[in-house]
Protein backbone atom coordinates (compact mmCIF):
# COMPACT_ATOMS: atom_id res chain seq x y z
CA MET A 1 163.33 125.70 66.42
CA LYS A 2 165.06 124.42 63.83
CA GLN A 3 167.49 121.29 63.18
CA TRP A 4 171.41 121.42 64.28
CA THR A 5 173.44 122.04 61.20
CA LYS A 6 177.26 122.09 61.36
CA GLU A 7 179.27 125.37 61.20
CA ARG A 8 182.60 126.20 60.47
CA SER A 9 183.93 129.85 61.56
CA ALA A 10 187.46 131.12 61.73
CA SER A 11 187.45 132.91 65.51
CA ARG A 12 185.56 131.22 68.46
CA PRO A 13 181.84 131.46 68.03
CA ALA A 14 179.74 132.37 71.08
CA GLU A 15 177.84 129.65 72.55
CA LEU A 16 174.52 132.10 72.25
CA GLN A 17 174.29 135.08 70.06
CA LEU A 18 171.26 137.46 69.39
CA VAL A 19 171.07 138.08 65.91
CA ALA A 20 167.45 139.76 65.75
CA PRO A 21 165.00 140.96 68.51
CA ASP A 22 163.47 137.31 68.71
CA THR A 23 166.39 135.05 67.55
CA TYR A 24 169.23 133.48 69.04
CA ILE A 25 171.69 131.18 67.30
CA GLN A 26 172.60 128.55 70.23
CA ARG A 27 175.94 126.78 69.18
CA ARG A 28 177.04 123.53 71.26
CA ASN A 29 179.73 121.07 70.66
CA ILE A 30 182.24 123.84 69.76
CA GLN A 31 186.05 122.14 68.67
CA GLN A 32 188.93 123.73 67.90
CA GLU A 33 190.67 122.29 64.41
CA GLU A 34 194.17 122.90 63.60
CA HIS A 35 195.18 122.65 60.15
CA ALA A 36 198.71 122.04 58.80
CA ALA A 37 200.46 123.81 56.45
CA THR A 38 200.28 123.04 52.83
CA GLU A 39 201.90 124.14 49.73
CA GLU A 40 198.86 126.25 48.79
CA ALA A 41 198.05 127.66 52.11
CA ALA A 42 199.42 128.29 55.49
CA ALA A 43 198.90 126.67 58.90
CA TYR A 44 195.50 127.91 60.50
CA THR A 45 193.06 127.09 63.13
CA ASP A 46 189.39 127.07 62.90
CA TYR A 47 186.31 126.08 64.96
CA VAL A 48 183.56 123.70 64.31
CA CYS A 49 180.32 123.63 66.19
CA GLU A 50 176.81 122.44 65.68
CA SER A 51 174.17 125.16 65.68
CA ARG A 52 170.63 126.31 65.54
CA GLU A 53 168.31 129.26 65.51
CA ILE A 54 165.79 129.50 68.27
CA PRO A 55 163.29 131.96 69.12
CA VAL A 56 163.94 133.81 72.43
CA SER A 57 160.87 132.48 74.09
CA GLU A 58 161.96 129.11 73.41
CA TYR A 59 165.54 129.55 74.81
CA GLU A 60 163.93 130.75 77.73
CA MET A 61 161.60 127.99 78.21
CA LEU A 62 164.31 125.54 78.47
CA LYS A 63 166.25 127.15 80.37
CA SER A 64 163.69 127.59 83.07
CA ILE A 65 163.52 123.74 82.73
CA GLU A 66 167.29 123.10 83.22
CA GLU A 67 167.09 125.18 86.13
CA ILE A 68 164.06 123.46 87.63
CA ARG A 69 165.81 120.01 87.01
CA THR A 70 169.30 121.23 88.74
CA GLU A 71 166.86 122.70 91.49
CA GLU A 72 165.69 119.01 91.92
CA ALA A 73 169.20 117.12 91.60
CA VAL A 74 170.70 119.68 94.55
CA THR A 75 167.33 118.87 96.48
CA ALA A 76 168.12 114.82 96.18
CA ALA A 77 171.97 115.77 96.82
CA ILE A 78 171.38 117.32 100.09
CA ASP A 79 168.49 115.04 100.83
CA GLU A 80 170.69 111.97 100.33
CA TYR A 81 173.54 113.42 102.33
CA THR A 82 171.51 114.23 105.46
CA MET A 83 170.07 110.53 105.52
CA GLN A 84 173.74 109.28 105.54
CA LEU A 85 174.64 111.86 108.30
CA MET A 86 171.74 110.44 109.93
CA GLU A 87 172.34 107.11 109.38
CA GLY A 88 175.92 107.48 110.56
CA GLY A 89 174.94 109.24 113.76
CA LEU A 90 176.06 112.36 113.12
CA LEU A 91 172.53 114.25 113.00
């Protein structure tokens, strides 16, 4: 996995873009920037973000880890809510 680099684009970039059979470009912190008109150029909008190349296999591994963490958080929240209901005499 490569380091995050700054990227600028004339149109809103996709957060994830397949650029080769085994490589994605992953983007984060996509921000729209407005540029006022000057004597030399008309007003325009572009986008700035951080991007990196990431192998498909590595991206899939990171997504799996994220899903596990999400499932654990949901389970913990349900357990906490159940305990609150039990303590309140509602269960």
